[in-house]
Amino acid sequence: MKHFLTAFLLLMVCFSGVAQSKSTNILFVGNSLTYTNDLPDMVEKEAKRRGIKVKTTMLAFPNYALVDHLDDGEVQKRIRSGKYDYVIVQQGPSSQEEGREMLFDAGKTLQKLCEQNQSRLVFFMVWPSRTYYHTFDGVIKNHKEAAEENGAILCPVGEIWKANFDKTGDFSLYGLDGFHPSPKGSRLAAEVIVKTLFNE
């Protein structure tokens, strides 16, 4: 009996070690708003700081909308691999009707793929450039509705940016070009993503 209990305890320790070492795998799909400052790497580091193991993969190219990724076909291959717990998708601000339609339509296709391959679809809400700051409410509205329509998780980064801007008048989350994120902006995005996905 004693040997049985010892073996049982050792087995439990082994299983516990396996569970603790499992990483959450995330695929980022987007454009320069994602690869500027290497947001996926920042997400890994922010998660690690909170004691969460995350491994990220990035599929991001300049000026790409989600439809461009779908046209390339690589995103479908990645999702069908079954490797990813979350697929975080991002395109431009999408405040205008054309961008809204692409967000909804591509989201529908991606959501179906994710459902078939045990992944959760996540919309990464971005922001407009400072020049088009007046379109911010449209950006927020379209991302919220696209996520709701497609049964996806929403990381409301843009909404939190706007709240910060409106409260402080500090636009340092933007980089020098007034559109891409500064390192500070990407760090805040990483915090929002980790808090959203892991209920922190």
C-alpha atoms as a PDB file:
ATOM      1  CA  MET A   1       0.000   0.000   0.000  1.00  0.00           C
ATOM      2  CA  LYS A   2       2.851   2.333   0.896  1.00  0.00           C
ATOM      3  CA  HIS A   3       4.507   1.770  -2.494  1.00  0.00           C
ATOM      4  CA  PHE A   4       1.200   2.360  -4.234  1.00  0.00           C
ATOM      5  CA  LEU A   5       0.727   5.728  -2.480  1.00  0.00           C
ATOM      6  CA  THR A   6       4.278   6.779  -3.304  1.00  0.00           C
ATOM      7  CA  ALA A   7       3.799   5.906  -6.974  1.00  0.00           C
ATOM      8  CA  PHE A   8       0.445   7.715  -7.024  1.00  0.00           C
ATOM      9  CA  LEU A   9       1.935  10.889  -5.545  1.00  0.00           C
ATOM     10  CA  LEU A  10       4.810  10.818  -8.026  1.00  0.00           C
ATOM     11  CA  LEU A  11       2.325  10.450 -10.865  1.00  0.00           C
ATOM     12  CA  MET A  12       0.304  13.416  -9.621  1.00  0.00           C
ATOM     13  CA  VAL A  13       3.461  15.537  -9.438  1.00  0.00           C
ATOM     14  CA  CYS A  14       4.320  14.601 -13.023  1.00  0.00           C
ATOM     15  CA  PHE A  15       0.850  15.492 -14.289  1.00  0.00           C
ATOM     16  CA  SER A  16       0.949  18.738 -12.368  1.00  0.00           C
ATOM     17  CA  GLY A  17       4.290  19.623 -13.973  1.00  0.00           C
ATOM     18  CA  VAL A  18       2.893  18.955 -17.450  1.00  0.00           C
ATOM     19  CA  ALA A  19      -0.144  21.146 -16.793  1.00  0.00           C
ATOM     20  CA  GLN A  20       1.981  23.996 -15.460  1.00  0.00           C
ATOM     21  CA  SER A  21       4.406  23.856 -18.395  1.00  0.00           C
ATOM     22  CA  LYS A  22       1.691  24.062 -21.100  1.00  0.00           C
ATOM     23  CA  SER A  23       1.791  27.306 -23.044  1.00  0.00           C
ATOM     24  CA  THR A  24      -1.150  29.153 -24.518  1.00  0.00           C
ATOM     25  CA  ASN A  25      -0.478  29.454 -28.252  1.00  0.00           C
ATOM     26  CA  ILE A  26      -1.568  32.657 -29.988  1.00  0.00           C
ATOM     27  CA  LEU A  27      -1.533  33.510 -33.692  1.00  0.00           C
ATOM     28  CA  PHE A  28      -1.447  37.239 -34.493  1.00  0.00           C
ATOM     29  CA  VAL A  29      -2.798  38.178 -37.931  1.00  0.00           C
ATOM     30  CA  GLY A  30      -2.491  41.798 -39.006  1.00  0.00           C
ATOM     31  CA  ASN A  31      -0.319  44.539 -40.417  1.00  0.00           C
ATOM     32  CA  SER A  32       2.153  47.173 -39.260  1.00  0.00           C
ATOM     33  CA  LEU A  33      -0.005  48.106 -36.268  1.00  0.00           C
ATOM     34  CA  THR A  34       0.821  44.629 -34.963  1.00  0.00           C
ATOM     35  CA  TYR A  35       4.450  44.230 -36.020  1.00  0.00           C
ATOM     36  CA  THR A  36       5.568  47.734 -34.985  1.00  0.00           C
ATOM     37  CA  ASN A  37       7.479  47.284 -31.708  1.00  0.00           C
ATOM     38  CA  ASP A  38       6.824  43.507 -32.021  1.00  0.00           C
ATOM     39  CA  LEU A  39       3.533  43.465 -30.139  1.00  0.00           C
ATOM     40  CA  PRO A  40       3.387  39.629 -29.976  1.00  0.00           C
ATOM     41  CA  ASP A  41       6.712  39.570 -28.131  1.00  0.00           C
ATOM     42  CA  MET A  42       5.404  42.221 -25.730  1.00  0.00           C
ATOM     43  CA  VAL A  43       2.354  40.037 -25.088  1.00  0.00           C
ATOM     44  CA  GLU A  44       4.618  37.091 -24.232  1.00  0.00           C
ATOM     45  CA  LYS A  45       6.606  39.243 -21.803  1.00  0.00           C
ATOM     46  CA  GLU A  46       3.504  40.770 -20.210  1.00  0.00           C
ATOM     47  CA  ALA A  47       1.995  37.321 -19.741  1.00  0.00           C
ATOM     48  CA  LYS A  48       5.247  36.006 -18.247  1.00  0.00           C
ATOM     49  CA  ARG A  49       5.276  38.921 -15.815  1.00  0.00           C
ATOM     50  CA  ARG A  50       1.875  37.689 -14.631  1.00  0.00           C
ATOM     51  CA  GLY A  51       3.019  34.067 -14.363  1.00  0.00           C
ATOM     52  CA  ILE A  52       1.289  32.962 -17.587  1.00  0.00           C
ATOM     53  CA  LYS A  53       3.083  30.981 -20.298  1.00  0.00           C
ATOM     54  CA  VAL A  54       2.320  32.249 -23.785  1.00  0.00           C
ATOM     55  CA  LYS A  55       3.862  31.444 -27.151  1.00  0.00           C
ATOM     56  CA  THR A  56       3.066  33.705 -30.101  1.00  0.00           C
ATOM     57  CA  THR A  57       3.324  33.470 -33.877  1.00  0.00           C
ATOM     58  CA  MET A  58       2.916  36.519 -36.112  1.00  0.00           C
ATOM     59  CA  LEU A  59       1.532  36.788 -39.633  1.00  0.00           C
ATOM     60  CA  ALA A  60       1.639  40.503 -40.473  1.00  0.00           C
ATOM     61  CA  PHE A  61       2.500  42.535 -43.578  1.00  0.00           C
ATOM     62  CA  PRO A  62       2.387  46.258 -44.477  1.00  0.00           C
ATOM     63  CA  ASN A  63      -1.038  47.663 -45.406  1.00  0.00           C
ATOM     64  CA  TYR A  64      -2.768  44.272 -45.161  1.00  0.00           C
ATOM     65  CA  ALA A  65      -6.475  43.987 -44.439  1.00  0.00           C
ATOM     66  CA  LEU A  66      -7.906  40.659 -43.282  1.00  0.00           C
ATOM     67  CA  VAL A  67      -9.176  39.951 -46.792  1.00  0.00           C
ATOM     68  CA  ASP A  68      -5.573  40.168 -48.059  1.00  0.00           C
ATOM     69  CA  HIS A  69      -4.534  37.490 -45.588  1.00  0.00           C
ATOM     70  CA  LEU A  70      -7.430  35.313 -46.688  1.00  0.00           C
ATOM     71  CA  ASP A  71      -6.517  35.845 -50.350  1.00  0.00           C
ATOM     72  CA  ASP A  72      -2.941  34.701 -49.605  1.00  0.00           C
ATOM     73  CA  GLY A  73      -4.238  31.517 -47.998  1.00  0.00           C
ATOM     74  CA  GLU A  74      -1.532  31.274 -45.333  1.00  0.00           C
ATOM     75  CA  VAL A  75      -3.814  32.200 -42.449  1.00  0.00           C
ATOM     76  CA  GLN A  76      -6.134  29.309 -43.327  1.00  0.00           C
ATOM     77  CA  LYS A  77      -3.189  26.886 -43.247  1.00  0.00           C
ATOM     78  CA  ARG A  78      -2.046  28.197 -39.882  1.00  0.00           C
ATOM     79  CA  ILE A  79      -5.482  27.907 -38.295  1.00  0.00           C
ATOM     80  CA  ARG A  80      -6.075  24.445 -39.761  1.00  0.00           C
ATOM     81  CA  SER A  81      -2.850  23.258 -38.129  1.00  0.00           C
ATOM     82  CA  GLY A  82      -4.825  23.189 -34.874  1.00  0.00           C
ATOM     83  CA  LYS A  83      -1.890  24.678 -32.960  1.00  0.00           C
ATOM     84  CA  TYR A  84      -3.524  27.852 -31.716  1.00  0.00           C
ATOM     85  CA  ASP A  85      -5.703  28.516 -28.694  1.00  0.00           C
ATOM     86  CA  TYR A  86      -6.390  32.082 -29.858  1.00  0.00           C
ATOM     87  CA  VAL A  87      -6.262  33.792 -33.260  1.00  0.00           C
ATOM     88  CA  ILE A  88      -5.968  37.568 -32.779  1.00  0.00           C
ATOM     89  CA  VAL A  89      -6.913  39.473 -35.936  1.00  0.00           C
ATOM     90  CA  GLN A  90      -6.253  43.115 -36.755  1.00  0.00           C
ATOM     91  CA  GLN A  91      -6.751  45.377 -39.737  1.00  0.00           C
ATOM     92  CA  GLY A  92      -6.792  49.151 -40.197  1.00  0.00           C
ATOM     93  CA  PRO A  93      -9.145  51.450 -38.262  1.00  0.00           C
ATOM     94  CA  SER A  94     -12.166  50.254 -40.302  1.00  0.00           C
ATOM     95  CA  SER A  95     -14.297  53.269 -39.427  1.00  0.00           C
ATOM     96  CA  GLN A  96     -15.680  53.652 -42.960  1.00  0.00           C
ATOM     97  CA  GLU A  97     -18.255  51.403 -44.619  1.00  0.00           C
ATOM     98  CA  GLU A  98     -15.768  49.480 -46.788  1.00  0.00           C
ATOM     99  CA  GLY A  99     -13.523  48.689 -43.834  1.00  0.00           C
ATOM    100  CA  ARG A 100     -16.527  47.730 -41.727  1.00  0.00           C
ATOM    101  CA  GLU A 101     -17.724  45.274 -44.382  1.00  0.00           C
ATOM    102  CA  MET A 102     -14.275  43.675 -44.650  1.00  0.00           C
ATOM    103  CA  LEU A 103     -14.086  43.380 -40.867  1.00  0.00           C
ATOM    104  CA  PHE A 104     -17.472  41.650 -40.698  1.00  0.00           C
ATOM    105  CA  ASP A 105     -17.055  39.426 -43.775  1.00  0.00           C
ATOM    106  CA  ALA A 106     -13.492  38.308 -43.056  1.00  0.00           C
ATOM    107  CA  GLY A 107     -14.458  37.827 -39.426  1.00  0.00           C
ATOM    108  CA  LYS A 108     -17.232  35.449 -40.448  1.00  0.00           C
ATOM    109  CA  THR A 109     -14.820  33.335 -42.513  1.00  0.00           C
ATOM    110  CA  LEU A 110     -12.169  33.320 -39.800  1.00  0.00           C
ATOM    111  CA  GLN A 111     -14.659  32.509 -37.054  1.00  0.00           C
ATOM    112  CA  LYS A 112     -15.832  29.451 -38.961  1.00  0.00           C
ATOM    113  CA  LEU A 113     -12.234  28.291 -39.410  1.00  0.00           C
ATOM    114  CA  CYS A 114     -11.505  28.822 -35.738  1.00  0.00           C
ATOM    115  CA  GLU A 115     -14.586  26.882 -34.651  1.00  0.00           C
ATOM    116  CA  GLN A 116     -13.536  23.966 -36.847  1.00  0.00           C
ATOM    117  CA  ASN A 117     -10.021  23.917 -35.373  1.00  0.00           C
ATOM    118  CA  GLN A 118     -10.579  24.491 -31.643  1.00  0.00           C
ATOM    119  CA  SER A 119      -9.377  28.112 -31.670  1.00  0.00           C
ATOM    120  CA  ARG A 120     -11.009  31.258 -30.315  1.00  0.00           C
ATOM    121  CA  LEU A 121     -11.237  34.243 -32.635  1.00  0.00           C
ATOM    122  CA  VAL A 122     -10.184  37.565 -31.099  1.00  0.00           C
ATOM    123  CA  PHE A 123     -10.637  41.029 -32.611  1.00  0.00           C
ATOM    124  CA  PHE A 124      -7.834  43.486 -31.774  1.00  0.00           C
ATOM    125  CA  MET A 125      -9.515  46.902 -31.817  1.00  0.00           C
ATOM    126  CA  VAL A 126      -7.050  49.492 -33.077  1.00  0.00           C
ATOM    127  CA  TRP A 127      -7.289  53.288 -33.484  1.00  0.00           C
ATOM    128  CA  PRO A 128      -7.389  55.927 -36.234  1.00  0.00           C
ATOM    129  CA  SER A 129      -4.489  58.246 -37.001  1.00  0.00           C
ATOM    130  CA  ARG A 130      -4.449  61.560 -35.156  1.00  0.00           C
ATOM    131  CA  THR A 131      -5.418  63.240 -38.437  1.00  0.00           C
ATOM    132  CA  TYR A 132      -8.651  61.219 -38.442  1.00  0.00           C
ATOM    133  CA  TYR A 133      -9.216  61.305 -34.694  1.00  0.00           C
ATOM    134  CA  HIS A 134     -12.802  62.386 -35.337  1.00  0.00           C
ATOM    135  CA  THR A 135     -13.520  58.855 -36.684  1.00  0.00           C
ATOM    136  CA  PHE A 136     -12.587  57.179 -33.389  1.00  0.00           C
ATOM    137  CA  ASP A 137     -16.172  56.491 -32.327  1.00  0.00           C
ATOM    138  CA  GLY A 138     -16.754  54.690 -35.637  1.00  0.00           C
ATOM    139  CA  VAL A 139     -13.662  52.539 -35.086  1.00  0.00           C
ATOM    140  CA  ILE A 140     -14.915  51.515 -31.646  1.00  0.00           C
ATOM    141  CA  LYS A 141     -18.482  50.877 -32.821  1.00  0.00           C
ATOM    142  CA  ASN A 142     -17.482  48.757 -35.836  1.00  0.00           C
ATOM    143  CA  HIS A 143     -15.064  46.586 -33.889  1.00  0.00           C
ATOM    144  CA  LYS A 144     -17.571  45.989 -31.084  1.00  0.00           C
ATOM    145  CA  GLU A 145     -20.304  45.040 -33.515  1.00  0.00           C
ATOM    146  CA  ALA A 146     -18.013  42.831 -35.633  1.00  0.00           C
ATOM    147  CA  ALA A 147     -16.906  40.906 -32.549  1.00  0.00           C
ATOM    148  CA  GLU A 148     -20.482  40.527 -31.312  1.00  0.00           C
ATOM    149  CA  GLU A 149     -21.786  39.497 -34.748  1.00  0.00           C
ATOM    150  CA  ASN A 150     -19.121  36.812 -35.082  1.00  0.00           C
ATOM    151  CA  GLY A 151     -19.188  35.539 -31.496  1.00  0.00           C
ATOM    152  CA  ALA A 152     -15.556  36.603 -31.042  1.00  0.00           C
ATOM    153  CA  ILE A 153     -13.599  37.976 -28.113  1.00  0.00           C
ATOM    154  CA  LEU A 154     -12.862  41.713 -28.279  1.00  0.00           C
ATOM    155  CA  CYS A 155      -9.615  43.266 -27.033  1.00  0.00           C
ATOM    156  CA  PRO A 156     -10.750  46.925 -26.742  1.00  0.00           C
ATOM    157  CA  VAL A 157      -7.319  48.512 -27.101  1.00  0.00           C
ATOM    158  CA  GLY A 158      -8.551  51.464 -29.171  1.00  0.00           C
ATOM    159  CA  GLU A 159     -11.325  52.250 -26.715  1.00  0.00           C
ATOM    160  CA  ILE A 160      -8.839  52.345 -23.845  1.00  0.00           C
ATOM    161  CA  TRP A 161      -6.492  54.546 -25.901  1.00  0.00           C
ATOM    162  CA  LYS A 162      -9.315  57.027 -26.525  1.00  0.00           C
ATOM    163  CA  ALA A 163     -10.346  57.101 -22.872  1.00  0.00           C
ATOM    164  CA  ASN A 164      -6.739  57.863 -21.960  1.00  0.00           C
ATOM    165  CA  PHE A 165      -6.454  60.604 -24.582  1.00  0.00           C
ATOM    166  CA  ASP A 166      -9.750  62.231 -23.588  1.00  0.00           C
ATOM    167  CA  LYS A 167      -8.844  62.175 -19.898  1.00  0.00           C
ATOM    168  CA  THR A 168      -5.228  63.334 -20.087  1.00  0.00           C
ATOM    169  CA  GLY A 169      -4.701  65.063 -23.446  1.00  0.00           C
ATOM    170  CA  ASP A 170      -1.487  63.008 -23.646  1.00  0.00           C
ATOM    171  CA  PHE A 171      -1.021  61.483 -27.096  1.00  0.00           C
ATOM    172  CA  SER A 172       2.253  59.691 -26.384  1.00  0.00           C
ATOM    173  CA  LEU A 173       0.677  56.314 -27.174  1.00  0.00           C
ATOM    174  CA  TYR A 174       1.109  57.359 -30.812  1.00  0.00           C
ATOM    175  CA  GLY A 175       4.501  57.165 -32.481  1.00  0.00           C
ATOM    176  CA  LEU A 176       6.130  60.015 -34.384  1.00  0.00           C
ATOM    177  CA  ASP A 177       3.989  59.490 -37.502  1.00  0.00           C
ATOM    178  CA  GLY A 178       0.774  59.996 -35.549  1.00  0.00           C
ATOM    179  CA  PHE A 179      -0.589  56.578 -36.462  1.00  0.00           C
ATOM    180  CA  HIS A 180       1.663  53.672 -35.524  1.00  0.00           C
ATOM    181  CA  PRO A 181       2.055  52.988 -31.816  1.00  0.00           C
ATOM    182  CA  SER A 182       4.951  54.200 -29.742  1.00  0.00           C
ATOM    183  CA  PRO A 183       6.605  51.553 -27.529  1.00  0.00           C
ATOM    184  CA  LYS A 184       4.383  52.885 -24.733  1.00  0.00           C
ATOM    185  CA  GLY A 185       1.315  52.400 -26.921  1.00  0.00           C
ATOM    186  CA  SER A 186       2.267  48.830 -27.797  1.00  0.00           C
ATOM    187  CA  ARG A 187       2.941  48.017 -24.141  1.00  0.00           C
ATOM    188  CA  LEU A 188      -0.540  49.228 -23.230  1.00  0.00           C
ATOM    189  CA  ALA A 189      -1.982  47.143 -26.081  1.00  0.00           C
ATOM    190  CA  ALA A 190      -0.141  44.090 -24.724  1.00  0.00           C
ATOM    191  CA  GLU A 191      -1.536  44.692 -21.244  1.00  0.00           C
ATOM    192  CA  VAL A 192      -5.083  44.957 -22.573  1.00  0.00           C
ATOM    193  CA  ILE A 193      -4.714  41.777 -24.633  1.00  0.00           C
ATOM    194  CA  VAL A 194      -3.346  39.739 -21.723  1.00  0.00           C
ATOM    195  CA  LYS A 195      -5.957  41.068 -19.286  1.00  0.00           C
ATOM    196  CA  THR A 196      -8.749  40.308 -21.754  1.00  0.00           C
ATOM    197  CA  LEU A 197      -7.650  36.775 -22.624  1.00  0.00           C
ATOM    198  CA  PHE A 198      -6.772  35.677 -19.110  1.00  0.00           C
ATOM    199  CA  ASN A 199      -9.343  37.641 -17.084  1.00  0.00           C
ATOM    200  CA  GLU A 200      -6.616  39.409 -15.187  1.00  0.00           C
END
